[in-house]
């Protein structure tokens, strides 16, 4: 299960450490995840939390995940741009088919 950081500063420090420790020429992908608003136009705390829960079940153990404002950010060590794109597509597909319930509707 990936590690979720509670504050943006804690996440940024861990991400800097991970990127700095990367082997030269070892890629690291970064995903910025923005939750689209629900039908009423608002991005709610519960919507962001629901997407974060999906990330918990789809991300790798060594991936870093943090929240910066209303966005979720993932650092994927040992992943190139294609790997990052594939991870983003898998996450988007998981969100599209997930039944969020709780009145969230489609995200």
PDB file of N, CA and C in Angstrom:
ATOM      1  N   UNK A   1       0.844  -1.164   0.000  1.00  0.00           N
ATOM      2  CA  UNK A   1       0.000   0.000   0.000  1.00  0.00           C
ATOM      3  C   UNK A   1       0.902   1.243   0.000  1.00  0.00           C
ATOM      4  N   UNK A   2       0.595   2.237  -0.840  1.00  0.00           N
ATOM      5  CA  UNK A   2       1.435   3.433  -0.909  1.00  0.00           C
ATOM      6  C   UNK A   2       1.326   4.242   0.375  1.00  0.00           C
ATOM      7  N   UNK A   3       2.322   5.075   0.603  1.00  0.00           N
ATOM      8  CA  UNK A   3       2.292   5.932   1.784  1.00  0.00           C
ATOM      9  C   UNK A   3       1.580   7.235   1.442  1.00  0.00           C
ATOM     10  N   UNK A   4       0.587   7.602   2.243  1.00  0.00           N
ATOM     11  CA  UNK A   4      -0.123   8.869   2.082  1.00  0.00           C
ATOM     12  C   UNK A   4       0.413   9.845   3.118  1.00  0.00           C
ATOM     13  N   UNK A   5       0.731  11.038   2.688  1.00  0.00           N
ATOM     14  CA  UNK A   5       1.264  12.059   3.578  1.00  0.00           C
ATOM     15  C   UNK A   5       0.152  13.010   3.992  1.00  0.00           C
ATOM     16  N   UNK A   6       0.184  13.424   5.240  1.00  0.00           N
ATOM     17  CA  UNK A   6      -0.889  14.236   5.809  1.00  0.00           C
ATOM     18  C   UNK A   6      -0.783  15.719   5.477  1.00  0.00           C
ATOM     19  N   UNK A   7       0.420  16.211   5.250  1.00  0.00           N
ATOM     20  CA  UNK A   7       0.580  17.627   4.945  1.00  0.00           C
ATOM     21  C   UNK A   7       1.369  17.791   3.656  1.00  0.00           C
ATOM     22  N   UNK A   8       1.140  18.900   2.949  1.00  0.00           N
ATOM     23  CA  UNK A   8       1.916  19.147   1.729  1.00  0.00           C
ATOM     24  C   UNK A   8       3.421  19.231   2.006  1.00  0.00           C
ATOM     25  N   UNK A   9       3.805  19.810   3.143  1.00  0.00           N
ATOM     26  CA  UNK A   9       5.239  19.923   3.458  1.00  0.00           C
ATOM     27  C   UNK A   9       5.869  18.552   3.668  1.00  0.00           C
ATOM     28  N   UNK A  10       5.171  17.675   4.382  1.00  0.00           N
ATOM     29  CA  UNK A  10       5.673  16.322   4.621  1.00  0.00           C
ATOM     30  C   UNK A  10       5.823  15.575   3.298  1.00  0.00           C
ATOM     31  N   UNK A  11       4.826  15.723   2.418  1.00  0.00           N
ATOM     32  CA  UNK A  11       4.875  15.077   1.114  1.00  0.00           C
ATOM     33  C   UNK A  11       6.026  15.635   0.276  1.00  0.00           C
ATOM     34  N   UNK A  12       6.171  16.970   0.244  1.00  0.00           N
ATOM     35  CA  UNK A  12       7.220  17.589  -0.561  1.00  0.00           C
ATOM     36  C   UNK A  12       8.604  17.137  -0.098  1.00  0.00           C
ATOM     37  N   UNK A  13       8.807  17.031   1.207  1.00  0.00           N
ATOM     38  CA  UNK A  13      10.098  16.575   1.725  1.00  0.00           C
ATOM     39  C   UNK A  13      10.373  15.137   1.310  1.00  0.00           C
ATOM     40  N   UNK A  14       9.376  14.273   1.406  1.00  0.00           N
ATOM     41  CA  UNK A  14       9.550  12.870   1.009  1.00  0.00           C
ATOM     42  C   UNK A  14       9.793  12.765  -0.493  1.00  0.00           C
ATOM     43  N   UNK A  15       9.071  13.553  -1.279  1.00  0.00           N
ATOM     44  CA  UNK A  15       9.251  13.517  -2.734  1.00  0.00           C
ATOM     45  C   UNK A  15      10.650  13.988  -3.113  1.00  0.00           C
ATOM     46  N   UNK A  16      11.134  15.062  -2.489  1.00  0.00           N
ATOM     47  CA  UNK A  16      12.498  15.541  -2.775  1.00  0.00           C
ATOM     48  C   UNK A  16      13.528  14.470  -2.435  1.00  0.00           C
ATOM     49  N   UNK A  17      13.345  13.814  -1.312  1.00  0.00           N
ATOM     50  CA  UNK A  17      14.271  12.757  -0.909  1.00  0.00           C
ATOM     51  C   UNK A  17      14.263  11.610  -1.908  1.00  0.00           C
ATOM     52  N   UNK A  18      13.092  11.212  -2.357  1.00  0.00           N
ATOM     53  CA  UNK A  18      12.960  10.114  -3.314  1.00  0.00           C
ATOM     54  C   UNK A  18      13.618  10.459  -4.637  1.00  0.00           C
ATOM     55  N   UNK A  19      13.343  11.657  -5.132  1.00  0.00           N
ATOM     56  CA  UNK A  19      13.916  12.065  -6.411  1.00  0.00           C
ATOM     57  C   UNK A  19      15.429  12.211  -6.289  1.00  0.00           C
ATOM     58  N   UNK A  20      15.920  12.784  -5.185  1.00  0.00           N
ATOM     59  CA  UNK A  20      17.362  12.964  -4.995  1.00  0.00           C
ATOM     60  C   UNK A  20      18.088  11.617  -4.877  1.00  0.00           C
ATOM     61  N   UNK A  21      17.403  10.612  -4.324  1.00  0.00           N
ATOM     62  CA  UNK A  21      18.021   9.298  -4.135  1.00  0.00           C
ATOM     63  C   UNK A  21      17.947   8.421  -5.385  1.00  0.00           C
ATOM     64  N   UNK A  22      17.242   8.879  -6.391  1.00  0.00           N
ATOM     65  CA  UNK A  22      17.089   8.072  -7.610  1.00  0.00           C
ATOM     66  C   UNK A  22      18.450   7.866  -8.269  1.00  0.00           C
ATOM     67  N   UNK A  23      18.645   6.682  -8.762  1.00  0.00           N
ATOM     68  CA  UNK A  23      19.866   6.349  -9.484  1.00  0.00           C
ATOM     69  C   UNK A  23      19.919   7.235 -10.731  1.00  0.00           C
ATOM     70  N   UNK A  24      21.109   7.760 -11.075  1.00  0.00           N
ATOM     71  CA  UNK A  24      21.192   8.557 -12.295  1.00  0.00           C
ATOM     72  C   UNK A  24      20.573   7.811 -13.482  1.00  0.00           C
ATOM     73  N   UNK A  25      19.851   8.531 -14.233  1.00  0.00           N
ATOM     74  CA  UNK A  25      19.144   8.008 -15.410  1.00  0.00           C
ATOM     75  C   UNK A  25      18.020   7.043 -15.045  1.00  0.00           C
ATOM     76  N   UNK A  26      17.659   7.001 -13.782  1.00  0.00           N
ATOM     77  CA  UNK A  26      16.515   6.192 -13.334  1.00  0.00           C
ATOM     78  C   UNK A  26      15.307   7.132 -13.323  1.00  0.00           C
ATOM     79  N   UNK A  27      14.324   6.872 -14.135  1.00  0.00           N
ATOM     80  CA  UNK A  27      13.214   7.817 -14.237  1.00  0.00           C
ATOM     81  C   UNK A  27      12.314   7.827 -12.997  1.00  0.00           C
ATOM     82  N   UNK A  28      11.653   8.940 -12.806  1.00  0.00           N
ATOM     83  CA  UNK A  28      10.637   9.087 -11.772  1.00  0.00           C
ATOM     84  C   UNK A  28       9.491   9.861 -12.396  1.00  0.00           C
ATOM     85  N   UNK A  29       8.295   9.276 -12.387  1.00  0.00           N
ATOM     86  CA  UNK A  29       7.122   9.939 -12.951  1.00  0.00           C
ATOM     87  C   UNK A  29       6.357  10.650 -11.843  1.00  0.00           C
ATOM     88  N   UNK A  30       5.718  11.737 -12.204  1.00  0.00           N
ATOM     89  CA  UNK A  30       4.888  12.487 -11.271  1.00  0.00           C
ATOM     90  C   UNK A  30       3.513  12.658 -11.893  1.00  0.00           C
ATOM     91  N   UNK A  31       2.480  12.298 -11.122  1.00  0.00           N
ATOM     92  CA  UNK A  31       1.097  12.480 -11.569  1.00  0.00           C
ATOM     93  C   UNK A  31       0.432  13.528 -10.686  1.00  0.00           C
ATOM     94  N   UNK A  32      -0.272  14.456 -11.304  1.00  0.00           N
ATOM     95  CA  UNK A  32      -1.080  15.420 -10.566  1.00  0.00           C
ATOM     96  C   UNK A  32      -2.525  15.072 -10.887  1.00  0.00           C
ATOM     97  N   UNK A  33      -3.281  14.743  -9.843  1.00  0.00           N
ATOM     98  CA  UNK A  33      -4.645  14.254 -10.012  1.00  0.00           C
ATOM     99  C   UNK A  33      -5.616  15.314  -9.537  1.00  0.00           C
ATOM    100  N   UNK A  34      -6.431  15.776 -10.456  1.00  0.00           N
ATOM    101  CA  UNK A  34      -7.446  16.762 -10.114  1.00  0.00           C
ATOM    102  C   UNK A  34      -8.803  16.081 -10.225  1.00  0.00           C
ATOM    103  N   UNK A  35      -9.549  16.102  -9.153  1.00  0.00           N
ATOM    104  CA  UNK A  35     -10.866  15.474  -9.132  1.00  0.00           C
ATOM    105  C   UNK A  35     -11.844  16.434  -9.790  1.00  0.00           C
ATOM    106  N   UNK A  36     -12.490  15.958 -10.852  1.00  0.00           N
ATOM    107  CA  UNK A  36     -13.499  16.785 -11.517  1.00  0.00           C
ATOM    108  C   UNK A  36     -14.675  16.979 -10.581  1.00  0.00           C
ATOM    109  N   UNK A  37     -15.289  18.135 -10.658  1.00  0.00           N
ATOM    110  CA  UNK A  37     -16.421  18.391  -9.769  1.00  0.00           C
ATOM    111  C   UNK A  37     -17.600  17.471 -10.054  1.00  0.00           C
ATOM    112  N   UNK A  38     -18.396  17.278  -9.031  1.00  0.00           N
ATOM    113  CA  UNK A  38     -19.638  16.519  -9.174  1.00  0.00           C
ATOM    114  C   UNK A  38     -20.614  17.352  -9.994  1.00  0.00           C
ATOM    115  N   UNK A  39     -21.794  16.816 -10.208  1.00  0.00           N
ATOM    116  CA  UNK A  39     -22.802  17.472 -11.041  1.00  0.00           C
ATOM    117  C   UNK A  39     -23.123  18.889 -10.569  1.00  0.00           C
ATOM    118  N   UNK A  40     -23.039  19.151  -9.267  1.00  0.00           N
ATOM    119  CA  UNK A  40     -23.378  20.476  -8.760  1.00  0.00           C
ATOM    120  C   UNK A  40     -22.234  21.479  -8.898  1.00  0.00           C
ATOM    121  N   UNK A  41     -21.099  21.049  -9.456  1.00  0.00           N
ATOM    122  CA  UNK A  41     -19.992  21.943  -9.716  1.00  0.00           C
ATOM    123  C   UNK A  41     -19.000  22.094  -8.578  1.00  0.00           C
ATOM    124  N   UNK A  42     -19.176  21.364  -7.495  1.00  0.00           N
ATOM    125  CA  UNK A  42     -18.278  21.491  -6.352  1.00  0.00           C
ATOM    126  C   UNK A  42     -17.400  20.254  -6.207  1.00  0.00           C
ATOM    127  N   UNK A  43     -16.135  20.483  -5.899  1.00  0.00           N
ATOM    128  CA  UNK A  43     -15.240  19.382  -5.556  1.00  0.00           C
ATOM    129  C   UNK A  43     -15.293  19.286  -4.034  1.00  0.00           C
ATOM    130  N   UNK A  44     -15.848  18.209  -3.547  1.00  0.00           N
ATOM    131  CA  UNK A  44     -16.043  18.072  -2.111  1.00  0.00           C
ATOM    132  C   UNK A  44     -14.906  17.286  -1.470  1.00  0.00           C
ATOM    133  N   UNK A  45     -14.793  17.461  -0.185  1.00  0.00           N
ATOM    134  CA  UNK A  45     -13.798  16.720   0.587  1.00  0.00           C
ATOM    135  C   UNK A  45     -14.035  15.221   0.446  1.00  0.00           C
ATOM    136  N   UNK A  46     -15.299  14.810   0.457  1.00  0.00           N
ATOM    137  CA  UNK A  46     -15.591  13.381   0.346  1.00  0.00           C
ATOM    138  C   UNK A  46     -15.231  12.843  -1.036  1.00  0.00           C
ATOM    139  N   UNK A  47     -15.340  13.660  -2.082  1.00  0.00           N
ATOM    140  CA  UNK A  47     -14.947  13.221  -3.422  1.00  0.00           C
ATOM    141  C   UNK A  47     -13.439  13.005  -3.496  1.00  0.00           C
ATOM    142  N   UNK A  48     -12.672  13.938  -2.938  1.00  0.00           N
ATOM    143  CA  UNK A  48     -11.220  13.796  -2.939  1.00  0.00           C
ATOM    144  C   UNK A  48     -10.820  12.578  -2.118  1.00  0.00           C
ATOM    145  N   UNK A  49     -11.460  12.387  -0.979  1.00  0.00           N
ATOM    146  CA  UNK A  49     -11.161  11.227  -0.133  1.00  0.00           C
ATOM    147  C   UNK A  49     -11.500   9.917  -0.843  1.00  0.00           C
ATOM    148  N   UNK A  50     -12.588   9.906  -1.597  1.00  0.00           N
ATOM    149  CA  UNK A  50     -12.983   8.694  -2.321  1.00  0.00           C
ATOM    150  C   UNK A  50     -11.953   8.340  -3.389  1.00  0.00           C
ATOM    151  N   UNK A  51     -11.449   9.338  -4.109  1.00  0.00           N
ATOM    152  CA  UNK A  51     -10.426   9.084  -5.119  1.00  0.00           C
ATOM    153  C   UNK A  51      -9.128   8.641  -4.436  1.00  0.00           C
ATOM    154  N   UNK A  52      -8.804   9.245  -3.311  1.00  0.00           N
ATOM    155  CA  UNK A  52      -7.605   8.833  -2.567  1.00  0.00           C
ATOM    156  C   UNK A  52      -7.706   7.368  -2.148  1.00  0.00           C
ATOM    157  N   UNK A  53      -8.890   6.919  -1.790  1.00  0.00           N
ATOM    158  CA  UNK A  53      -9.079   5.517  -1.409  1.00  0.00           C
ATOM    159  C   UNK A  53      -8.849   4.594  -2.608  1.00  0.00           C
ATOM    160  N   UNK A  54      -9.281   4.999  -3.775  1.00  0.00           N
ATOM    161  CA  UNK A  54      -9.024   4.201  -4.982  1.00  0.00           C
ATOM    162  C   UNK A  54      -7.520   4.131  -5.230  1.00  0.00           C
ATOM    163  N   UNK A  55      -6.827   5.250  -5.034  1.00  0.00           N
ATOM    164  CA  UNK A  55      -5.372   5.259  -5.207  1.00  0.00           C
ATOM    165  C   UNK A  55      -4.720   4.268  -4.255  1.00  0.00           C
ATOM    166  N   UNK A  56      -5.211   4.198  -3.036  1.00  0.00           N
ATOM    167  CA  UNK A  56      -4.648   3.264  -2.055  1.00  0.00           C
ATOM    168  C   UNK A  56      -4.671   1.826  -2.574  1.00  0.00           C
ATOM    169  N   UNK A  57      -5.681   1.508  -3.356  1.00  0.00           N
ATOM    170  CA  UNK A  57      -5.842   0.136  -3.835  1.00  0.00           C
ATOM    171  C   UNK A  57      -5.219  -0.102  -5.214  1.00  0.00           C
ATOM    172  N   UNK A  58      -4.810   0.963  -5.905  1.00  0.00           N
ATOM    173  CA  UNK A  58      -4.248   0.782  -7.243  1.00  0.00           C
ATOM    174  C   UNK A  58      -2.769   1.127  -7.336  1.00  0.00           C
ATOM    175  N   UNK A  59      -2.245   1.884  -6.386  1.00  0.00           N
ATOM    176  CA  UNK A  59      -0.842   2.310  -6.447  1.00  0.00           C
ATOM    177  C   UNK A  59       0.080   1.219  -5.906  1.00  0.00           C
ATOM    178  N   UNK A  60       1.341   1.324  -6.288  1.00  0.00           N
ATOM    179  CA  UNK A  60       2.355   0.385  -5.802  1.00  0.00           C
ATOM    180  C   UNK A  60       2.798   0.780  -4.400  1.00  0.00           C
ATOM    181  N   UNK A  61       3.410  -0.170  -3.740  1.00  0.00           N
ATOM    182  CA  UNK A  61       3.838   0.046  -2.356  1.00  0.00           C
ATOM    183  C   UNK A  61       4.847   1.182  -2.218  1.00  0.00           C
ATOM    184  N   UNK A  62       5.733   1.363  -3.214  1.00  0.00           N
ATOM    185  CA  UNK A  62       6.756   2.397  -3.089  1.00  0.00           C
ATOM    186  C   UNK A  62       6.348   3.747  -3.674  1.00  0.00           C
ATOM    187  N   UNK A  63       5.120   3.876  -4.180  1.00  0.00           N
ATOM    188  CA  UNK A  63       4.637   5.154  -4.685  1.00  0.00           C
ATOM    189  C   UNK A  63       4.361   6.092  -3.519  1.00  0.00           C
ATOM    190  N   UNK A  64       4.584   7.380  -3.746  1.00  0.00           N
ATOM    191  CA  UNK A  64       4.307   8.399  -2.743  1.00  0.00           C
ATOM    192  C   UNK A  64       3.061   9.158  -3.164  1.00  0.00           C
ATOM    193  N   UNK A  65       2.176   9.416  -2.238  1.00  0.00           N
ATOM    194  CA  UNK A  65       0.940  10.127  -2.554  1.00  0.00           C
ATOM    195  C   UNK A  65       0.727  11.216  -1.525  1.00  0.00           C
ATOM    196  N   UNK A  66       0.439  12.406  -2.006  1.00  0.00           N
ATOM    197  CA  UNK A  66       0.167  13.519  -1.101  1.00  0.00           C
ATOM    198  C   UNK A  66      -0.926  14.388  -1.656  1.00  0.00           C
ATOM    199  N   UNK A  67      -1.413  15.250  -0.809  1.00  0.00           N
ATOM    200  CA  UNK A  67      -2.462  16.175  -1.221  1.00  0.00           C
ATOM    201  C   UNK A  67      -1.904  17.583  -1.138  1.00  0.00           C
ATOM    202  N   UNK A  68      -2.110  18.329  -2.217  1.00  0.00           N
ATOM    203  CA  UNK A  68      -1.702  19.720  -2.272  1.00  0.00           C
ATOM    204  C   UNK A  68      -2.931  20.509  -2.701  1.00  0.00           C
ATOM    205  N   UNK A  69      -3.528  21.207  -1.761  1.00  0.00           N
ATOM    206  CA  UNK A  69      -4.782  21.905  -2.048  1.00  0.00           C
ATOM    207  C   UNK A  69      -5.868  20.902  -2.370  1.00  0.00           C
ATOM    208  N   UNK A  70      -6.532  21.101  -3.502  1.00  0.00           N
ATOM    209  CA  UNK A  70      -7.583  20.177  -3.936  1.00  0.00           C
ATOM    210  C   UNK A  70      -7.066  19.113  -4.890  1.00  0.00           C
ATOM    211  N   UNK A  71      -5.757  19.007  -5.034  1.00  0.00           N
ATOM    212  CA  UNK A  71      -5.178  18.025  -5.939  1.00  0.00           C
ATOM    213  C   UNK A  71      -4.429  16.948  -5.160  1.00  0.00           C
ATOM    214  N   UNK A  72      -4.408  15.765  -5.740  1.00  0.00           N
ATOM    215  CA  UNK A  72      -3.602  14.669  -5.210  1.00  0.00           C
ATOM    216  C   UNK A  72      -2.387  14.548  -6.132  1.00  0.00           C
ATOM    217  N   UNK A  73      -1.226  14.293  -5.549  1.00  0.00           N
ATOM    218  CA  UNK A  73       0.006  14.183  -6.324  1.00  0.00           C
ATOM    219  C   UNK A  73       0.648  12.843  -6.001  1.00  0.00           C
ATOM    220  N   UNK A  74       1.081  12.140  -7.046  1.00  0.00           N
ATOM    221  CA  UNK A  74       1.765  10.866  -6.879  1.00  0.00           C
ATOM    222  C   UNK A  74       3.162  10.965  -7.465  1.00  0.00           C
ATOM    223  N   UNK A  75       4.135  10.450  -6.745  1.00  0.00           N
ATOM    224  CA  UNK A  75       5.502  10.316  -7.246  1.00  0.00           C
ATOM    225  C   UNK A  75       5.721   8.820  -7.436  1.00  0.00           C
ATOM    226  N   UNK A  76       6.063   8.426  -8.657  1.00  0.00           N
ATOM    227  CA  UNK A  76       6.208   7.016  -9.018  1.00  0.00           C
ATOM    228  C   UNK A  76       7.680   6.723  -9.300  1.00  0.00           C
ATOM    229  N   UNK A  77       8.423   6.274  -8.288  1.00  0.00           N
ATOM    230  CA  UNK A  77       9.835   5.963  -8.509  1.00  0.00           C
ATOM    231  C   UNK A  77       9.999   4.847  -9.544  1.00  0.00           C
ATOM    232  N   UNK A  78      11.094   4.898 -10.264  1.00  0.00           N
ATOM    233  CA  UNK A  78      11.426   3.890 -11.280  1.00  0.00           C
ATOM    234  C   UNK A  78      10.357   3.782 -12.361  1.00  0.00           C
ATOM    235  N   UNK A  79       9.723   4.899 -12.682  1.00  0.00           N
ATOM    236  CA  UNK A  79       8.685   4.919 -13.712  1.00  0.00           C
ATOM    237  C   UNK A  79       9.013   6.007 -14.721  1.00  0.00           C
ATOM    238  N   UNK A  80       8.957   5.638 -16.005  1.00  0.00           N
ATOM    239  CA  UNK A  80       9.180   6.635 -17.046  1.00  0.00           C
ATOM    240  C   UNK A  80       7.837   7.284 -17.419  1.00  0.00           C
ATOM    241  N   UNK A  81       7.854   8.141 -18.430  1.00  0.00           N
ATOM    242  CA  UNK A  81       6.642   8.851 -18.833  1.00  0.00           C
ATOM    243  C   UNK A  81       5.539   7.879 -19.266  1.00  0.00           C
ATOM    244  N   UNK A  82       5.900   6.831 -19.981  1.00  0.00           N
ATOM    245  CA  UNK A  82       4.900   5.847 -20.413  1.00  0.00           C
ATOM    246  C   UNK A  82       4.287   5.129 -19.214  1.00  0.00           C
ATOM    247  N   UNK A  83       5.127   4.778 -18.235  1.00  0.00           N
ATOM    248  CA  UNK A  83       4.627   4.133 -17.022  1.00  0.00           C
ATOM    249  C   UNK A  83       3.674   5.064 -16.272  1.00  0.00           C
ATOM    250  N   UNK A  84       4.060   6.338 -16.178  1.00  0.00           N
ATOM    251  CA  UNK A  84       3.213   7.320 -15.506  1.00  0.00           C
ATOM    252  C   UNK A  84       1.885   7.497 -16.209  1.00  0.00           C
ATOM    253  N   UNK A  85       1.927   7.547 -17.531  1.00  0.00           N
ATOM    254  CA  UNK A  85       0.697   7.672 -18.318  1.00  0.00           C
ATOM    255  C   UNK A  85      -0.198   6.457 -18.106  1.00  0.00           C
ATOM    256  N   UNK A  86       0.392   5.272 -18.118  1.00  0.00           N
ATOM    257  CA  UNK A  86      -0.377   4.044 -17.911  1.00  0.00           C
ATOM    258  C   UNK A  86      -0.996   4.025 -16.511  1.00  0.00           C
ATOM    259  N   UNK A  87      -0.237   4.464 -15.502  1.00  0.00           N
ATOM    260  CA  UNK A  87      -0.768   4.512 -14.133  1.00  0.00           C
ATOM    261  C   UNK A  87      -1.931   5.495 -14.053  1.00  0.00           C
ATOM    262  N   UNK A  88      -1.798   6.627 -14.707  1.00  0.00           N
ATOM    263  CA  UNK A  88      -2.885   7.608 -14.738  1.00  0.00           C
ATOM    264  C   UNK A  88      -4.125   7.070 -15.428  1.00  0.00           C
ATOM    265  N   UNK A  89      -3.917   6.354 -16.521  1.00  0.00           N
ATOM    266  CA  UNK A  89      -5.060   5.763 -17.239  1.00  0.00           C
ATOM    267  C   UNK A  89      -5.751   4.695 -16.384  1.00  0.00           C
ATOM    268  N   UNK A  90      -4.966   3.866 -15.692  1.00  0.00           N
ATOM    269  CA  UNK A  90      -5.562   2.850 -14.809  1.00  0.00           C
ATOM    270  C   UNK A  90      -6.378   3.506 -13.701  1.00  0.00           C
ATOM    271  N   UNK A  91      -5.824   4.564 -13.125  1.00  0.00           N
ATOM    272  CA  UNK A  91      -6.536   5.270 -12.065  1.00  0.00           C
ATOM    273  C   UNK A  91      -7.822   5.898 -12.600  1.00  0.00           C
ATOM    274  N   UNK A  92      -7.740   6.547 -13.752  1.00  0.00           N
ATOM    275  CA  UNK A  92      -8.932   7.164 -14.341  1.00  0.00           C
ATOM    276  C   UNK A  92     -10.000   6.113 -14.645  1.00  0.00           C
ATOM    277  N   UNK A  93      -9.579   4.959 -15.153  1.00  0.00           N
ATOM    278  CA  UNK A  93     -10.535   3.883 -15.444  1.00  0.00           C
ATOM    279  C   UNK A  93     -11.181   3.378 -14.161  1.00  0.00           C
ATOM    280  N   UNK A  94     -10.396   3.235 -13.098  1.00  0.00           N
ATOM    281  CA  UNK A  94     -10.943   2.773 -11.819  1.00  0.00           C
ATOM    282  C   UNK A  94     -11.953   3.774 -11.268  1.00  0.00           C
ATOM    283  N   UNK A  95     -11.686   5.060 -11.433  1.00  0.00           N
ATOM    284  CA  UNK A  95     -12.622   6.090 -10.960  1.00  0.00           C
ATOM    285  C   UNK A  95     -13.897   6.060 -11.791  1.00  0.00           C
ATOM    286  N   UNK A  96     -13.760   5.886 -13.112  1.00  0.00           N
ATOM    287  CA  UNK A  96     -14.946   5.877 -13.992  1.00  0.00           C
ATOM    288  C   UNK A  96     -15.915   4.752 -13.652  1.00  0.00           C
ATOM    289  N   UNK A  97     -15.415   3.601 -13.256  1.00  0.00           N
ATOM    290  CA  UNK A  97     -16.306   2.459 -13.004  1.00  0.00           C
ATOM    291  C   UNK A  97     -16.719   2.331 -11.541  1.00  0.00           C
ATOM    292  N   UNK A  98     -16.142   3.146 -10.671  1.00  0.00           N
ATOM    293  CA  UNK A  98     -16.427   3.017  -9.232  1.00  0.00           C
ATOM    294  C   UNK A  98     -17.790   3.614  -8.879  1.00  0.00           C
ATOM    295  N   UNK A  99     -18.530   2.921  -8.043  1.00  0.00           N
ATOM    296  CA  UNK A  99     -19.796   3.430  -7.520  1.00  0.00           C
ATOM    297  C   UNK A  99     -19.495   4.165  -6.228  1.00  0.00           C
ATOM    298  N   UNK A 100     -19.472   5.479  -6.282  1.00  0.00           N
ATOM    299  CA  UNK A 100     -19.087   6.278  -5.125  1.00  0.00           C
ATOM    300  C   UNK A 100     -20.163   6.343  -4.049  1.00  0.00           C
ATOM    301  N   UNK A 101     -21.422   6.213  -4.450  1.00  0.00           N
ATOM    302  CA  UNK A 101     -22.487   6.300  -3.443  1.00  0.00           C
ATOM    303  C   UNK A 101     -22.455   7.656  -2.760  1.00  0.00           C
ATOM    304  N   UNK A 102     -22.942   7.730  -1.549  1.00  0.00           N
ATOM    305  CA  UNK A 102     -22.932   8.919  -0.726  1.00  0.00           C
ATOM    306  C   UNK A 102     -23.316  10.184  -1.477  1.00  0.00           C
ATOM    307  N   UNK A 103     -24.101  10.071  -2.527  1.00  0.00           N
ATOM    308  CA  UNK A 103     -24.546  11.231  -3.274  1.00  0.00           C
ATOM    309  C   UNK A 103     -23.473  11.919  -4.096  1.00  0.00           C
ATOM    310  N   UNK A 104     -22.314  11.257  -4.279  1.00  0.00           N
ATOM    311  CA  UNK A 104     -21.237  11.887  -5.047  1.00  0.00           C
ATOM    312  C   UNK A 104     -21.496  11.816  -6.545  1.00  0.00           C
ATOM    313  N   UNK A 105     -22.240  10.857  -6.986  1.00  0.00           N
ATOM    314  CA  UNK A 105     -22.467  10.717  -8.416  1.00  0.00           C
ATOM    315  C   UNK A 105     -21.206  10.320  -9.139  1.00  0.00           C
ATOM    316  N   UNK A 106     -21.088  10.718 -10.397  1.00  0.00           N
ATOM    317  CA  UNK A 106     -19.890  10.404 -11.191  1.00  0.00           C
ATOM    318  C   UNK A 106     -18.834  11.464 -10.971  1.00  0.00           C
ATOM    319  N   UNK A 107     -17.617  11.005 -10.862  1.00  0.00           N
ATOM    320  CA  UNK A 107     -16.483  11.937 -10.721  1.00  0.00           C
ATOM    321  C   UNK A 107     -15.589  11.798 -11.933  1.00  0.00           C
TER     322      UNK A 107
END
